[in-house]
C-alpha atoms as a PDB file:
ATOM      1  CA  MET A   1      14.979   6.360 -10.736  1.00  0.00           C
ATOM      2  CA  ALA A   2      16.973   3.118 -10.848  1.00  0.00           C
ATOM      3  CA  ASP A   3      19.744   4.732  -8.815  1.00  0.00           C
ATOM      4  CA  GLU A   4      17.267   6.051  -6.262  1.00  0.00           C
ATOM      5  CA  TRP A   5      15.450   2.719  -5.781  1.00  0.00           C
ATOM      6  CA  PRO A   6      17.787  -0.132  -6.724  1.00  0.00           C
ATOM      7  CA  LEU A   7      15.435  -2.803  -5.324  1.00  0.00           C
ATOM      8  CA  ARG A   8      12.061  -3.184  -7.052  1.00  0.00           C
ATOM      9  CA  ASP A   9       9.135  -5.565  -6.987  1.00  0.00           C
ATOM     10  CA  PHE A  10       5.653  -5.607  -8.518  1.00  0.00           C
ATOM     11  CA  ILE A  11       2.628  -7.821  -7.990  1.00  0.00           C
ATOM     12  CA  GLU A  12      -0.955  -7.622  -9.236  1.00  0.00           C
ATOM     13  CA  LEU A  13      -3.715  -9.190  -7.157  1.00  0.00           C
ATOM     14  CA  GLY A  14      -7.399  -9.677  -7.761  1.00  0.00           C
ATOM     15  CA  ALA A  15      -9.668  -7.504  -5.624  1.00  0.00           C
ATOM     16  CA  LEU A  16     -10.615 -10.533  -3.548  1.00  0.00           C
ATOM     17  CA  PRO A  17     -10.682 -11.251   0.208  1.00  0.00           C
ATOM     18  CA  GLY A  18      -7.363 -13.101  -0.045  1.00  0.00           C
ATOM     19  CA  ALA A  19      -5.563 -10.093  -1.541  1.00  0.00           C
ATOM     20  CA  VAL A  20      -4.711  -8.514   1.813  1.00  0.00           C
ATOM     21  CA  PRO A  21      -3.046 -11.535   3.457  1.00  0.00           C
ATOM     22  CA  SER A  22      -1.342 -12.352   0.150  1.00  0.00           C
ATOM     23  CA  ALA A  23       0.037  -8.813  -0.093  1.00  0.00           C
ATOM     24  CA  ARG A  24       1.303  -8.956   3.509  1.00  0.00           C
ATOM     25  CA  LEU A  25       3.045 -12.284   2.950  1.00  0.00           C
ATOM     26  CA  HIS A  26       4.507 -11.122  -0.335  1.00  0.00           C
ATOM     27  CA  THR A  27       5.862  -7.986   1.365  1.00  0.00           C
ATOM     28  CA  ARG A  28       7.391 -10.007   4.213  1.00  0.00           C
ATOM     29  CA  LEU A  29       9.116 -12.413   1.828  1.00  0.00           C
ATOM     30  CA  VAL A  30      10.425  -9.709  -0.506  1.00  0.00           C
ATOM     31  CA  LEU A  31      11.821  -7.619   2.352  1.00  0.00           C
ATOM     32  CA  ALA A  32      13.466 -10.704   3.848  1.00  0.00           C
ATOM     33  CA  GLU A  33      15.077 -11.426   0.479  1.00  0.00           C
ATOM     34  CA  TRP A  34      16.319  -7.836   0.359  1.00  0.00           C
ATOM     35  CA  GLY A  35      17.703  -8.009   3.916  1.00  0.00           C
ATOM     36  CA  LEU A  36      15.218  -5.431   5.205  1.00  0.00           C
ATOM     37  CA  THR A  37      13.436  -7.430   7.898  1.00  0.00           C
ATOM     38  CA  GLY A  38      13.801  -4.485  10.284  1.00  0.00           C
ATOM     39  CA  LEU A  39      11.290  -2.574   8.139  1.00  0.00           C
ATOM     40  CA  SER A  40       9.029  -5.547   7.539  1.00  0.00           C
ATOM     41  CA  GLU A  41       6.511  -5.128  10.348  1.00  0.00           C
ATOM     42  CA  ARG A  42       5.653  -1.522   9.501  1.00  0.00           C
ATOM     43  CA  ALA A  43       5.765  -2.191   5.740  1.00  0.00           C
ATOM     44  CA  GLU A  44       3.421  -5.172   6.076  1.00  0.00           C
ATOM     45  CA  LEU A  45       1.007  -3.101   8.137  1.00  0.00           C
ATOM     46  CA  ALA A  46       1.042  -0.241   5.615  1.00  0.00           C
ATOM     47  CA  VAL A  47       0.555  -2.674   2.704  1.00  0.00           C
ATOM     48  CA  SER A  48      -2.317  -4.308   4.570  1.00  0.00           C
ATOM     49  CA  GLU A  49      -4.129  -1.020   5.127  1.00  0.00           C
ATOM     50  CA  LEU A  50      -3.532   0.342   1.624  1.00  0.00           C
ATOM     51  CA  VAL A  51      -4.576  -2.906  -0.079  1.00  0.00           C
ATOM     52  CA  THR A  52      -7.662  -3.173   2.157  1.00  0.00           C
ATOM     53  CA  ASN A  53      -8.737   0.281   0.977  1.00  0.00           C
ATOM     54  CA  ALA A  54      -7.917  -0.495  -2.675  1.00  0.00           C
ATOM     55  CA  VAL A  55      -9.904  -3.744  -2.625  1.00  0.00           C
ATOM     56  CA  ALA A  56     -12.879  -2.037  -0.968  1.00  0.00           C
ATOM     57  CA  VAL A  57     -12.955   0.851  -3.436  1.00  0.00           C
ATOM     58  CA  SER A  58     -12.499  -1.556  -6.366  1.00  0.00           C
ATOM     59  CA  HIS A  59     -15.751  -3.245  -5.380  1.00  0.00           C
ATOM     60  CA  SER A  60     -17.586   0.065  -5.566  1.00  0.00           C
ATOM     61  CA  LEU A  61     -16.818   0.342  -9.290  1.00  0.00           C
ATOM     62  CA  GLU A  62     -19.009  -0.945 -12.098  1.00  0.00           C
ATOM     63  CA  HIS A  63     -16.262  -3.376 -13.159  1.00  0.00           C
ATOM     64  CA  VAL A  64     -14.033  -4.733 -10.404  1.00  0.00           C
ATOM     65  CA  SER A  65     -10.383  -4.427 -11.407  1.00  0.00           C
ATOM     66  CA  PRO A  66      -7.179  -5.820  -9.905  1.00  0.00           C
ATOM     67  CA  VAL A  67      -4.995  -4.042  -7.372  1.00  0.00           C
ATOM     68  CA  ARG A  68      -1.340  -3.387  -8.198  1.00  0.00           C
ATOM     69  CA  ILE A  69       1.443  -3.162  -5.638  1.00  0.00           C
ATOM     70  CA  TRP A  70       4.999  -1.932  -6.088  1.00  0.00           C
ATOM     71  CA  LEU A  71       7.724  -2.218  -3.470  1.00  0.00           C
ATOM     72  CA  LEU A  72      10.793  -0.045  -4.059  1.00  0.00           C
ATOM     73  CA  ALA A  73      13.717   0.077  -1.673  1.00  0.00           C
ATOM     74  CA  ASP A  74      17.230   1.091  -0.933  1.00  0.00           C
ATOM     75  CA  LYS A  75      18.937  -0.093   2.242  1.00  0.00           C
ATOM     76  CA  ALA A  76      17.198   2.446   4.502  1.00  0.00           C
ATOM     77  CA  HIS A  77      13.718   2.990   2.983  1.00  0.00           C
ATOM     78  CA  VAL A  78      10.824   1.080   1.511  1.00  0.00           C
ATOM     79  CA  LEU A  79       8.410   2.905  -0.774  1.00  0.00           C
ATOM     80  CA  ILE A  80       5.036   1.181  -1.084  1.00  0.00           C
ATOM     81  CA  LEU A  81       2.722   2.083  -3.958  1.00  0.00           C
ATOM     82  CA  VAL A  82      -0.786   0.644  -4.311  1.00  0.00           C
ATOM     83  CA  TRP A  83      -2.851   1.341  -7.421  1.00  0.00           C
ATOM     84  CA  ASP A  84      -6.584   0.902  -7.939  1.00  0.00           C
ATOM     85  CA  ARG A  85      -8.840   2.022 -10.773  1.00  0.00           C
ATOM     86  CA  SER A  86     -10.985   4.337  -8.624  1.00  0.00           C
ATOM     87  CA  SER A  87     -10.387   8.063  -8.915  1.00  0.00           C
ATOM     88  CA  GLN A  88     -11.850   8.590  -5.431  1.00  0.00           C
ATOM     89  CA  ARG A  89      -9.154  10.242  -3.344  1.00  0.00           C
ATOM     90  CA  PRO A  90      -8.164   8.574  -0.077  1.00  0.00           C
ATOM     91  CA  ALA A  91      -9.408  10.409   2.983  1.00  0.00           C
ATOM     92  CA  ARG A  92      -8.867   9.898   6.684  1.00  0.00           C
ATOM     93  CA  ILE A  93     -12.102   9.377   8.552  1.00  0.00           C
ATOM     94  CA  ASP A  94     -12.658  10.774  12.021  1.00  0.00           C
ATOM     95  CA  THR A  95     -13.779   7.760  13.996  1.00  0.00           C
ATOM     96  CA  GLY A  96     -15.020   7.354  17.507  1.00  0.00           C
ATOM     97  CA  ASP A  97     -13.075   5.446  20.138  1.00  0.00           C
ATOM     98  CA  ASP A  98     -15.243   2.351  19.738  1.00  0.00           C
ATOM     99  CA  ALA A  99     -15.261   2.247  15.901  1.00  0.00           C
ATOM    100  CA  GLU A 100     -14.204  -1.091  14.425  1.00  0.00           C
ATOM    101  CA  SER A 101     -12.918   0.348  11.148  1.00  0.00           C
ATOM    102  CA  GLY A 102     -11.914   3.592   9.492  1.00  0.00           C
ATOM    103  CA  ARG A 103      -8.492   4.048  11.058  1.00  0.00           C
ATOM    104  CA  GLY A 104      -6.407   2.674   8.189  1.00  0.00           C
ATOM    105  CA  LEU A 105      -5.006   5.924   6.806  1.00  0.00           C
ATOM    106  CA  LEU A 106      -4.392   7.276  10.301  1.00  0.00           C
ATOM    107  CA  LEU A 107      -2.362   4.148  10.981  1.00  0.00           C
ATOM    108  CA  VAL A 108      -0.462   4.549   7.688  1.00  0.00           C
ATOM    109  CA  GLU A 109       0.250   8.173   8.590  1.00  0.00           C
ATOM    110  CA  THR A 110       1.511   7.117  12.019  1.00  0.00           C
ATOM    111  CA  ILE A 111       3.895   4.355  10.891  1.00  0.00           C
ATOM    112  CA  SER A 112       5.245   5.979   7.739  1.00  0.00           C
ATOM    113  CA  ALA A 113       7.610   8.900   7.273  1.00  0.00           C
ATOM    114  CA  ARG A 114       5.268  10.301   4.602  1.00  0.00           C
ATOM    115  CA  TRP A 115       2.301   9.152   2.576  1.00  0.00           C
ATOM    116  CA  GLY A 116       0.150  10.551  -0.181  1.00  0.00           C
ATOM    117  CA  TYR A 117      -1.528   9.787  -3.460  1.00  0.00           C
ATOM    118  CA  TYR A 118      -1.572  10.873  -7.067  1.00  0.00           C
ATOM    119  CA  ALA A 119      -3.956  10.404  -9.965  1.00  0.00           C
ATOM    120  CA  THR A 120      -2.905   8.114 -12.798  1.00  0.00           C
ATOM    121  CA  PRO A 121      -4.754   9.464 -15.844  1.00  0.00           C
ATOM    122  CA  GLN A 122      -2.896   7.198 -18.283  1.00  0.00           C
ATOM    123  CA  THR A 123      -4.348   4.058 -16.634  1.00  0.00           C
ATOM    124  CA  GLY A 124      -7.233   5.616 -14.746  1.00  0.00           C
ATOM    125  CA  GLY A 125      -7.504   5.556 -11.005  1.00  0.00           C
ATOM    126  CA  LYS A 126      -4.890   6.555  -8.479  1.00  0.00           C
ATOM    127  CA  THR A 127      -1.819   5.379  -6.636  1.00  0.00           C
ATOM    128  CA  VAL A 128      -1.570   5.691  -2.864  1.00  0.00           C
ATOM    129  CA  TRP A 129       1.963   5.530  -1.470  1.00  0.00           C
ATOM    130  CA  ALA A 130       3.730   5.304   1.880  1.00  0.00           C
ATOM    131  CA  LEU A 131       7.412   5.691   2.712  1.00  0.00           C
ATOM    132  CA  ILE A 132       8.761   3.505   5.504  1.00  0.00           C
ATOM    133  CA  GLU A 133      12.171   4.482   6.922  1.00  0.00           C
ATOM    134  CA  LYS A 134      14.574   2.869   9.328  1.00  0.00           C
ATOM    135  CA  PRO A 135      14.166   4.410  12.783  1.00  0.00           C
END
């Protein structure tokens, strides 16, 4: 895996209102350090949506747990992974034109090359991921 993703970063944030802007800023700074500013806008948006969902679902649990974020990259791709302790699978919601929320996964699907999720039985919960590629 090290050969596939030579650039790696990890951060754990509390499931708090400030987690989303913190995750966006962290993503912007890491990608700038890696020389991947061309992918930054879409990566920040994907991180924002995935962390928003992870924070929300974390608050539905009996014990609120932190949210974990990994950024993996080579020079043409950024792989974003966001973990939360909930086993509830992510699902796109069909929203009306005037809905104020519920479009997060549709947006992730639109701006990423691929996205998905997998269960993490060893730690509980799941990881939702999105792959951002250079155009």
